[in-house]
Amino acid sequence: MAEIQPVRGWRYNPALSADIDAVVSPLFDVVSPRQREALYQNPLNSIHLSVPRPEPGLAPAEAAARRLARWQAEGVLREDGLPGIYVYYQYFRLPGEPGRERCRKGFMCHIRAYDWAEGVVLRHENTLPAAVNDRAELLAELQFQTSATHGLYRDETFELEALMDAAIEDPLCQTEEDYQGARDVLAVIQDARLIRQFQRVLAGRQVILADGHHRYEGSLAYRQARELAAGPAGRTGREPWNYHLMYLTNMASDDVRILPTHRLLLELPGGLSDAELLARLAPYFTVVPQAEAQDLPELLAGKRWAFGLYLPGGAYKLRLRPEVHAQLNWDTTPEVKDLDLTVLHFFVLEKVLGLVGPDAQRSWPGVAYVRGLAECLQRVDRGEARAALLTNEVTMAQVEAVCHSGAVMPAKSTFFYPKTLAGLLFSSLREAPTVFDGLFAE
């Protein structure tokens, strides 16, 4: 199954690593415009490599490549002397658990960039070609991976956790508190015997891509371009562009968390009134008014095909009438049809609002994806949105079932929390990768 290899990582020099909070940044697809502008003010922040902006006479990727070369020459970034598996822990708290600190345990390494059809790395969502091309162009210009994607493997025996726990006692760097309130700690394992133990565990498993579908597909596109240029006789399969930087976590852990992503309707097609919306929902859902919108998440918890609706005039609990589920005729698998969000997108966005099919819904500007209940309610109250549709989170079991069915989920189905950071570790595609063959040799 999955072939992983150690990384001879590039990291910020010791002086900058001592204040790592100042140079790390959110991933390219979650960083807000306001965050970007604030981070750009620090000329050494990793945002200049992961989400570059143009400079006079230079396109964004060209500006990033020039900056990278300067940072390497000046020692801003330094390459570690030995290859390793980089242990990455994130300590965080969840809403409703103020007294409990969780820790998501994982590690960063190189993984072979498998095509989807090979069935080793599995996806659960579709990508946008423009975003994939953007990541592929940046990778081709830099030949440097600026952030790890997030993959999941399952190991019920937790064989690797003890090795990671021992390594994290001697950290390379750690944040005080990142932009999402998590504390990030990085360490490294450079013992060849232990690295082979990581390889042996992953060699028997598939990997589900949790976050980073665009960056992963960007790596695939870059690899395919390099293969085409090299020709069959000019490649060995061990070239650096065959590998991708990935953060791997054990989905058997209770600390691998998925948070719900609610749907905020910025408009109602056709100028629907609140009363007309409720009337259109009635054939498909039981609609029960609620006294307090704040109570909706608790009322939905653990209930199948149940949603919250918040309008300027009040709050409602929606529950799909079981007998109408058979009307869901999208060409997808039973595992996808069973999802709450599929039900929401089909019966509310398509049947009630008239947005027919996933493509039309994905391109419709009238929906926003929001994770916080408070933000949903406030934006409706301020008149910035017409309605909020609240949903339960997708479970890990559902993610696995959909991936193994070969299908994908509706857009913005999962929000794995916390998000990893850019700037903790980089890897180069200019030099031959470190490859440990004979995975089980001692």
Protein backbone atom coordinates (compact mmCIF):
# COMPACT_ATOMS: atom_id res chain seq x y z
CA MET A 1 0.00 0.00 0.00
CA ALA A 2 1.42 3.42 0.98
CA GLU A 3 5.14 3.96 0.51
CA ILE A 4 6.50 6.66 2.80
CA GLN A 5 10.05 8.01 3.03
CA PRO A 6 11.90 10.27 5.46
CA VAL A 7 12.43 13.94 4.65
CA ARG A 8 15.60 15.97 4.80
CA GLY A 9 13.60 18.99 5.82
CA TRP A 10 14.16 22.67 5.34
CA ARG A 11 13.25 24.78 8.39
CA TYR A 12 13.65 28.32 9.68
CA ASN A 13 17.02 28.93 11.30
CA PRO A 14 17.27 28.58 15.11
CA ALA A 15 16.82 32.31 15.80
CA LEU A 16 13.57 32.43 13.82
CA SER A 17 12.41 29.02 15.09
CA ALA A 18 12.65 30.43 18.62
CA ASP A 19 9.83 32.82 17.63
CA ILE A 20 8.09 30.47 15.23
CA ASP A 21 4.69 32.16 15.80
CA ALA A 22 5.93 35.14 13.78
CA VAL A 23 6.72 33.16 10.62
CA VAL A 24 4.10 30.39 10.39
CA SER A 25 0.85 31.01 8.51
CA PRO A 26 -2.55 29.43 7.81
CA LEU A 27 -2.88 27.19 4.77
CA PHE A 28 -3.58 28.84 1.41
CA ASP A 29 -7.23 27.78 1.28
CA VAL A 30 -8.20 28.94 4.79
CA VAL A 31 -6.22 32.16 5.22
CA SER A 32 -8.54 35.16 5.07
CA PRO A 33 -7.73 38.31 3.08
CA ARG A 34 -7.27 40.22 6.34
CA GLN A 35 -4.89 37.59 7.69
CA ARG A 36 -2.90 37.64 4.45
CA GLU A 37 -2.38 41.38 4.56
CA ALA A 38 -1.24 41.25 8.19
CA LEU A 39 1.18 38.38 7.50
CA TYR A 40 2.62 40.04 4.38
CA GLN A 41 3.92 42.81 6.64
CA ASN A 42 6.57 40.40 7.97
CA PRO A 43 9.08 39.95 5.11
CA LEU A 44 10.13 36.55 6.51
CA ASN A 45 6.68 35.03 7.02
CA SER A 46 5.99 31.77 5.18
CA ILE A 47 2.91 33.33 3.53
CA HIS A 48 5.32 34.79 0.93
CA LEU A 49 6.06 31.24 -0.26
CA SER A 50 2.71 29.50 0.22
CA VAL A 51 0.39 32.30 -0.98
CA PRO A 52 2.73 34.68 -2.81
CA ARG A 53 1.63 38.00 -4.23
CA PRO A 54 3.08 39.67 -7.31
CA GLU A 55 6.01 42.05 -7.13
CA PRO A 56 7.02 44.66 -9.70
CA GLY A 57 7.79 42.82 -12.93
CA LEU A 58 7.21 39.39 -11.33
CA ALA A 59 4.22 37.06 -11.24
CA PRO A 60 3.39 35.63 -7.78
CA ALA A 61 5.19 32.32 -8.30
CA GLU A 62 8.25 34.06 -9.74
CA ALA A 63 8.35 36.42 -6.77
CA ALA A 64 8.16 33.45 -4.40
CA ALA A 65 10.99 31.64 -6.21
CA ARG A 66 13.24 34.68 -6.01
CA ARG A 67 12.46 35.11 -2.32
CA LEU A 68 13.11 31.41 -1.63
CA ALA A 69 16.52 31.56 -3.30
CA ARG A 70 17.39 34.60 -1.21
CA TRP A 71 16.23 32.98 2.03
CA GLN A 72 18.29 29.87 1.32
CA ALA A 73 21.40 31.89 0.42
CA GLU A 74 21.07 34.08 3.51
CA GLY A 75 20.37 31.18 5.89
CA VAL A 76 16.81 32.18 6.70
CA LEU A 77 15.91 28.60 5.79
CA ARG A 78 18.36 25.78 6.48
CA GLU A 79 18.35 22.15 5.47
CA ASP A 80 18.59 19.57 8.24
CA GLY A 81 21.70 17.42 8.13
CA LEU A 82 19.91 14.08 8.36
CA PRO A 83 16.61 12.81 6.98
CA GLY A 84 13.83 12.11 9.41
CA ILE A 85 10.19 11.59 10.23
CA TYR A 86 8.91 14.90 11.66
CA VAL A 87 6.51 14.43 14.56
CA TYR A 88 3.82 17.11 14.71
CA TYR A 89 1.45 17.46 17.68
CA GLN A 90 -1.38 19.97 17.98
CA TYR A 91 -2.87 20.70 21.41
CA PHE A 92 -6.36 22.23 21.25
CA ARG A 93 -9.73 22.63 22.94
CA LEU A 94 -13.20 22.21 21.47
CA PRO A 95 -16.27 24.34 22.15
CA GLY A 96 -18.22 22.82 25.00
CA GLU A 97 -15.10 21.16 26.48
CA PRO A 98 -13.42 24.03 28.37
CA GLY A 99 -11.73 21.73 30.86
CA ARG A 100 -10.28 19.26 28.35
CA GLU A 101 -7.17 19.73 26.25
CA ARG A 102 -6.96 17.38 23.29
CA CYS A 103 -3.86 16.44 21.32
CA ARG A 104 -3.88 15.36 17.69
CA LYS A 105 -0.76 13.29 17.08
CA GLY A 106 0.81 12.88 13.68
CA PHE A 107 3.96 13.00 11.62
CA MET A 108 5.21 14.54 8.38
CA CYS A 109 7.04 12.55 5.74
CA HIS A 110 7.26 12.04 2.00
CA ILE A 111 4.64 9.81 0.45
CA ARG A 112 4.72 8.59 -3.13
CA ALA A 113 2.36 10.75 -5.21
CA TYR A 114 -0.16 8.08 -6.16
CA ASP A 115 -2.77 8.64 -8.83
CA TRP A 116 -6.34 8.32 -7.52
CA ALA A 117 -6.90 5.28 -9.74
CA GLU A 118 -4.19 3.36 -7.86
CA GLY A 119 -6.43 3.20 -4.79
CA VAL A 120 -3.68 3.99 -2.27
CA VAL A 121 -4.50 7.62 -1.52
CA LEU A 122 -8.28 8.13 -1.48
CA ARG A 123 -10.18 11.40 -1.83
CA HIS A 124 -13.56 12.50 -0.50
CA GLU A 125 -14.15 15.76 -2.38
CA ASN A 126 -13.84 17.22 -5.84
CA THR A 127 -11.36 19.94 -6.77
CA LEU A 128 -11.51 23.14 -8.80
CA PRO A 129 -9.19 23.07 -11.85
CA ALA A 130 -8.09 26.69 -11.35
CA ALA A 131 -6.93 26.02 -7.80
CA VAL A 132 -5.10 22.83 -8.84
CA ASN A 133 -3.33 24.70 -11.65
CA ASP A 134 -2.34 27.46 -9.24
CA ARG A 135 -0.72 24.95 -6.86
CA ALA A 136 0.97 23.06 -9.72
CA GLU A 137 2.42 26.27 -11.19
CA LEU A 138 3.76 27.34 -7.81
CA LEU A 139 5.32 23.91 -7.25
CA ALA A 140 6.92 23.93 -10.68
CA GLU A 141 8.41 27.38 -10.10
CA LEU A 142 9.67 26.73 -6.56
CA GLN A 143 10.40 23.00 -6.75
CA PHE A 144 9.75 23.31 -3.02
CA GLN A 145 6.80 22.03 -0.99
CA THR A 146 5.65 24.79 1.31
CA SER A 147 3.09 22.90 3.41
CA ALA A 148 2.06 19.33 4.07
CA THR A 149 -1.34 18.01 3.10
CA HIS A 150 -3.23 16.02 5.76
CA GLY A 151 -3.75 12.28 5.32
CA LEU A 152 -5.42 9.70 7.53
CA TYR A 153 -4.52 6.07 8.13
CA ARG A 154 -6.14 3.59 10.51
CA ASP A 155 -4.16 1.64 13.11
CA GLU A 156 -6.26 0.32 15.98
CA THR A 157 -3.11 -0.86 17.80
CA PHE A 158 -1.62 2.67 17.98
CA GLU A 159 1.81 1.23 17.28
CA LEU A 160 3.47 4.51 16.33
CA GLU A 161 2.12 6.73 19.10
CA ALA A 162 4.69 5.62 21.69
CA LEU A 163 7.52 6.48 19.29
CA MET A 164 6.02 9.90 18.65
CA ASP A 165 5.40 10.53 22.35
CA ALA A 166 9.08 9.91 23.07
CA ALA A 167 10.23 12.22 20.27
CA ILE A 168 7.93 15.12 21.18
CA GLU A 169 9.68 15.40 24.56
CA ASP A 170 12.60 17.01 22.68
CA PRO A 171 10.91 19.54 20.38
CA LEU A 172 12.57 21.44 17.56
CA CYS A 173 10.13 24.33 17.94
CA GLN A 174 6.65 25.11 19.22
CA THR A 175 4.10 27.88 18.92
CA GLU A 176 2.65 29.70 21.89
CA GLU A 177 -0.78 29.74 20.30
CA ASP A 178 -1.62 29.78 16.62
CA TYR A 179 -4.39 31.72 14.85
CA GLN A 180 -7.00 29.08 15.77
CA GLY A 181 -5.99 28.77 19.42
CA ALA A 182 -3.97 25.56 19.07
CA ARG A 183 -0.42 24.95 20.29
CA ASP A 184 1.79 23.33 17.64
CA VAL A 185 4.89 21.27 18.52
CA LEU A 186 7.42 19.86 16.04
CA ALA A 187 10.05 17.17 16.70
CA VAL A 188 12.05 14.75 14.57
CA ILE A 189 12.94 11.04 14.53
CA GLN A 190 16.18 10.29 12.67
CA ASP A 191 16.84 6.75 13.87
CA ALA A 192 16.76 4.53 10.76
CA ARG A 193 15.36 1.57 12.70
CA LEU A 194 12.41 3.64 13.96
CA ILE A 195 11.81 5.17 10.55
CA ARG A 196 11.47 1.67 9.09
CA GLN A 197 8.86 0.92 11.75
CA PHE A 198 6.80 3.87 10.45
CA GLN A 199 7.26 2.56 6.91
CA ARG A 200 6.15 -0.94 7.88
CA VAL A 201 2.93 0.32 9.49
CA LEU A 202 1.98 2.48 6.49
CA ALA A 203 2.98 -0.18 3.94
CA GLY A 204 -0.11 -2.18 4.88
CA ARG A 205 -2.59 0.68 4.73
CA GLN A 206 -4.45 3.06 2.48
CA VAL A 207 -4.44 6.78 3.16
CA ILE A 208 -7.53 8.99 3.09
CA LEU A 209 -6.83 12.60 2.17
CA ALA A 210 -8.42 14.78 4.83
CA ASP A 211 -7.18 18.22 3.76
CA GLY A 212 -5.21 19.45 0.79
CA HIS A 213 -6.93 17.97 -2.25
CA HIS A 214 -5.83 20.88 -4.46
CA ARG A 215 -2.21 20.74 -3.28
CA TYR A 216 -2.12 16.95 -3.72
CA GLU A 217 -3.55 17.15 -7.22
CA GLY A 218 -1.06 19.94 -7.92
CA SER A 219 1.71 17.47 -7.04
CA LEU A 220 0.18 14.88 -9.36
CA ALA A 221 0.00 17.38 -12.21
CA TYR A 222 3.62 18.43 -11.65
CA ARG A 223 4.78 14.80 -11.52
CA GLN A 224 2.93 13.98 -14.72
CA ALA A 225 4.51 16.97 -16.50
CA ARG A 226 7.98 15.94 -15.40
CA GLU A 227 7.39 12.32 -16.46
CA LEU A 228 6.24 13.46 -19.88
CA ALA A 229 9.31 15.65 -20.28
CA ALA A 230 11.68 12.90 -19.16
CA GLY A 231 10.16 10.16 -21.33
CA PRO A 232 10.01 6.46 -20.37
CA ALA A 233 13.74 5.95 -20.72
CA GLY A 234 14.65 9.00 -18.71
CA ARG A 235 13.00 8.23 -15.39
CA THR A 236 13.51 5.74 -12.58
CA GLY A 237 10.51 6.35 -10.33
CA ARG A 238 12.82 7.69 -7.60
CA GLU A 239 13.05 11.27 -8.86
CA PRO A 240 12.10 13.90 -6.25
CA TRP A 241 8.95 14.87 -8.13
CA ASN A 242 7.52 11.40 -7.40
CA TYR A 243 7.04 12.35 -3.74
CA HIS A 244 4.69 14.59 -1.84
CA LEU A 245 4.92 16.11 1.66
CA MET A 246 2.12 14.80 3.87
CA TYR A 247 1.08 14.99 7.52
CA LEU A 248 -0.35 11.64 8.61
CA THR A 249 -2.62 11.03 11.59
CA ASN A 250 -4.30 7.92 12.94
CA MET A 251 -8.04 8.14 12.37
CA ALA A 252 -8.60 5.58 15.14
CA SER A 253 -7.81 8.37 17.62
CA ASP A 254 -10.66 10.27 19.25
CA ASP A 255 -8.62 13.45 18.85
CA VAL A 256 -8.93 13.51 15.05
CA ARG A 257 -11.94 15.80 14.95
CA ILE A 258 -14.31 16.97 12.22
CA LEU A 259 -16.39 20.09 12.88
CA PRO A 260 -19.68 20.90 11.14
CA THR A 261 -19.80 23.39 8.27
CA HIS A 262 -23.11 25.24 8.14
CA ARG A 263 -24.69 26.76 5.04
CA LEU A 264 -25.49 30.46 5.03
CA LEU A 265 -27.98 31.53 2.35
CA LEU A 266 -26.99 35.02 1.30
CA GLU A 267 -30.08 35.27 -0.88
CA LEU A 268 -33.18 33.27 -1.70
CA PRO A 269 -33.65 32.64 -5.44
CA GLY A 270 -36.68 34.27 -7.00
CA GLY A 271 -37.12 36.63 -4.07
CA LEU A 272 -38.76 33.98 -1.88
CA SER A 273 -40.23 35.27 1.37
CA ASP A 274 -39.67 33.46 4.66
CA ALA A 275 -43.25 32.18 4.59
CA GLU A 276 -42.84 30.86 1.04
CA LEU A 277 -39.60 29.11 2.00
CA LEU A 278 -41.27 27.37 4.94
CA ALA A 279 -44.18 26.34 2.73
CA ARG A 280 -41.83 24.82 0.15
CA LEU A 281 -39.95 22.90 2.84
CA ALA A 282 -43.09 21.33 4.29
CA PRO A 283 -43.54 18.51 1.70
CA TYR A 284 -40.05 17.22 2.45
CA PHE A 285 -39.47 18.04 6.12
CA THR A 286 -41.30 18.21 9.38
CA VAL A 287 -40.83 21.83 10.40
CA VAL A 288 -40.99 22.53 14.14
CA PRO A 289 -40.59 26.08 15.49
CA GLN A 290 -38.09 26.50 18.33
CA ALA A 291 -37.96 29.14 21.02
CA GLU A 292 -34.17 29.56 21.02
CA ALA A 293 -31.82 29.31 18.05
CA GLN A 294 -28.95 28.60 20.45
CA ASP A 295 -30.61 25.28 21.30
CA LEU A 296 -30.60 23.98 17.72
CA PRO A 297 -27.22 22.19 17.79
CA GLU A 298 -28.24 20.19 20.85
CA LEU A 299 -31.60 19.34 19.29
CA LEU A 300 -29.87 18.06 16.14
CA ALA A 301 -27.07 16.10 17.81
CA GLY A 302 -27.07 12.44 16.82
CA LYS A 303 -30.25 12.70 14.73
CA ARG A 304 -30.24 11.51 11.15
CA TRP A 305 -31.25 13.95 8.41
CA ALA A 306 -31.98 16.71 10.91
CA PHE A 307 -31.13 20.39 10.41
CA GLY A 308 -31.59 23.76 11.99
CA LEU A 309 -33.06 26.72 10.11
CA TYR A 310 -32.64 30.26 11.33
CA LEU A 311 -34.59 33.09 9.73
CA PRO A 312 -35.05 36.71 10.81
CA GLY A 313 -38.46 35.65 12.10
CA GLY A 314 -37.42 32.65 14.16
CA ALA A 315 -35.70 29.29 14.52
CA TYR A 316 -36.88 25.89 13.27
CA LYS A 317 -35.87 22.27 13.48
CA LEU A 318 -36.13 20.42 10.16
CA ARG A 319 -36.31 16.63 9.92
CA LEU A 320 -36.53 14.88 6.57
CA ARG A 321 -39.68 12.82 6.11
CA PRO A 322 -38.17 9.31 5.71
CA GLU A 323 -40.53 8.33 2.90
CA VAL A 324 -39.27 11.09 0.58
CA HIS A 325 -35.60 10.03 0.74
CA ALA A 326 -36.20 7.67 -2.20
CA GLN A 327 -36.66 10.76 -4.39
CA LEU A 328 -32.94 11.50 -4.07
CA ASN A 329 -31.95 10.53 -7.60
CA TRP A 330 -28.43 11.90 -7.94
CA ASP A 331 -26.04 9.52 -9.68
CA THR A 332 -23.92 8.61 -6.69
CA THR A 333 -23.41 5.81 -4.18
CA PRO A 334 -25.72 4.82 -1.31
CA GLU A 335 -23.01 5.96 1.10
CA VAL A 336 -23.19 9.51 -0.28
CA LYS A 337 -27.00 9.51 -0.48
CA ASP A 338 -27.11 8.66 3.22
CA LEU A 339 -25.20 11.79 4.25
CA ASP A 340 -27.00 14.64 5.96
CA LEU A 341 -25.35 17.15 3.65
CA THR A 342 -26.44 15.28 0.52
CA VAL A 343 -29.99 15.37 1.85
CA LEU A 344 -29.63 19.09 2.57
CA HIS A 345 -28.21 19.90 -0.86
CA PHE A 346 -30.77 17.80 -2.74
CA PHE A 347 -33.98 18.63 -0.90
CA VAL A 348 -33.25 22.25 0.08
CA LEU A 349 -30.91 23.61 -2.58
CA GLU A 350 -32.34 21.62 -5.51
CA LYS A 351 -35.97 20.84 -4.72
CA VAL A 352 -36.84 23.95 -2.70
CA LEU A 353 -34.53 26.59 -4.18
CA GLY A 354 -34.30 25.24 -7.72
CA LEU A 355 -30.51 24.82 -7.97
CA VAL A 356 -30.40 21.58 -9.95
CA GLY A 357 -27.34 19.40 -9.48
CA PRO A 358 -24.05 19.66 -7.59
CA ASP A 359 -22.34 21.74 -10.31
CA ALA A 360 -24.98 24.48 -10.19
CA GLN A 361 -24.89 24.50 -6.42
CA ARG A 362 -21.10 24.66 -6.26
CA SER A 363 -20.99 27.67 -8.59
CA TRP A 364 -23.92 29.54 -6.99
CA PRO A 365 -22.67 32.72 -5.25
CA GLY A 366 -25.66 32.80 -2.92
CA VAL A 367 -24.27 30.31 -0.40
CA ALA A 368 -21.46 30.76 2.10
CA TYR A 369 -19.88 28.10 4.28
CA VAL A 370 -19.57 29.01 7.95
CA ARG A 371 -18.36 26.93 10.87
CA GLY A 372 -19.48 28.94 13.88
CA LEU A 373 -23.09 29.00 15.12
CA ALA A 374 -22.69 32.54 16.46
CA GLU A 375 -21.49 33.89 13.10
CA CYS A 376 -24.45 32.28 11.33
CA LEU A 377 -26.98 33.85 13.68
CA GLN A 378 -25.29 37.25 13.71
CA ARG A 379 -25.10 37.52 9.93
CA VAL A 380 -28.80 36.74 9.60
CA ASP A 381 -29.62 39.24 12.36
CA ARG A 382 -27.52 41.93 10.63
CA GLY A 383 -29.29 41.33 7.31
CA GLU A 384 -26.14 40.00 5.61
CA ALA A 385 -27.87 36.67 4.93
CA ARG A 386 -31.46 35.56 4.47
CA ALA A 387 -31.19 32.24 6.29
CA ALA A 388 -28.80 29.88 8.04
CA LEU A 389 -28.96 26.11 7.64
CA LEU A 390 -27.30 24.34 10.56
CA THR A 391 -26.03 20.79 10.31
CA ASN A 392 -24.33 18.06 12.30
CA GLU A 393 -20.71 17.16 11.63
CA VAL A 394 -19.76 14.33 9.27
CA THR A 395 -18.40 11.34 11.17
CA MET A 396 -15.09 9.62 10.50
CA ALA A 397 -16.98 6.41 9.69
CA GLN A 398 -18.91 8.27 6.98
CA VAL A 399 -15.72 9.71 5.50
CA GLU A 400 -14.23 6.22 5.30
CA ALA A 401 -17.39 4.72 3.81
CA VAL A 402 -17.63 7.38 1.10
CA CYS A 403 -13.95 7.10 0.20
CA HIS A 404 -14.12 3.33 -0.11
CA SER A 405 -17.27 3.62 -2.23
CA GLY A 406 -15.26 5.57 -4.82
CA ALA A 407 -17.54 8.61 -4.66
CA VAL A 408 -17.11 12.12 -3.28
CA MET A 409 -19.08 14.19 -0.79
CA PRO A 410 -20.92 17.47 -1.42
CA ALA A 411 -18.73 20.56 -1.43
CA LYS A 412 -17.43 21.73 1.96
CA SER A 413 -18.54 18.61 3.82
CA THR A 414 -15.62 18.24 6.23
CA PHE A 415 -13.62 20.63 8.36
CA PHE A 416 -10.85 18.74 10.09
CA TYR A 417 -9.78 20.66 13.17
CA PRO A 418 -7.33 22.05 13.94
CA LYS A 419 -5.77 22.97 10.62
CA THR A 420 -2.06 22.36 10.15
CA LEU A 421 0.29 25.31 9.69
CA ALA A 422 2.49 26.35 6.81
CA GLY A 423 6.04 27.27 7.74
CA LEU A 424 6.96 24.55 10.20
CA LEU A 425 8.58 22.30 7.59
CA PHE A 426 9.44 22.53 3.90
CA SER A 427 10.84 19.95 1.50
CA SER A 428 12.81 20.38 -1.70
CA LEU A 429 12.12 18.77 -5.07
CA ARG A 430 15.44 19.88 -6.52
CA GLU A 431 17.52 17.13 -4.93
CA ALA A 432 17.25 13.36 -4.86
CA PRO A 433 14.89 12.22 -2.10
CA THR A 434 16.08 10.11 0.79
CA VAL A 435 14.81 6.62 0.03
CA PHE A 436 14.92 3.75 2.47
CA ASP A 437 14.49 0.53 0.50
CA GLY A 438 13.90 -2.83 2.13
CA LEU A 439 11.12 -1.54 4.33
CA PHE A 440 11.37 -4.22 6.99
CA ALA A 441 15.16 -4.50 7.20
CA GLU A 442 16.76 -3.85 10.57
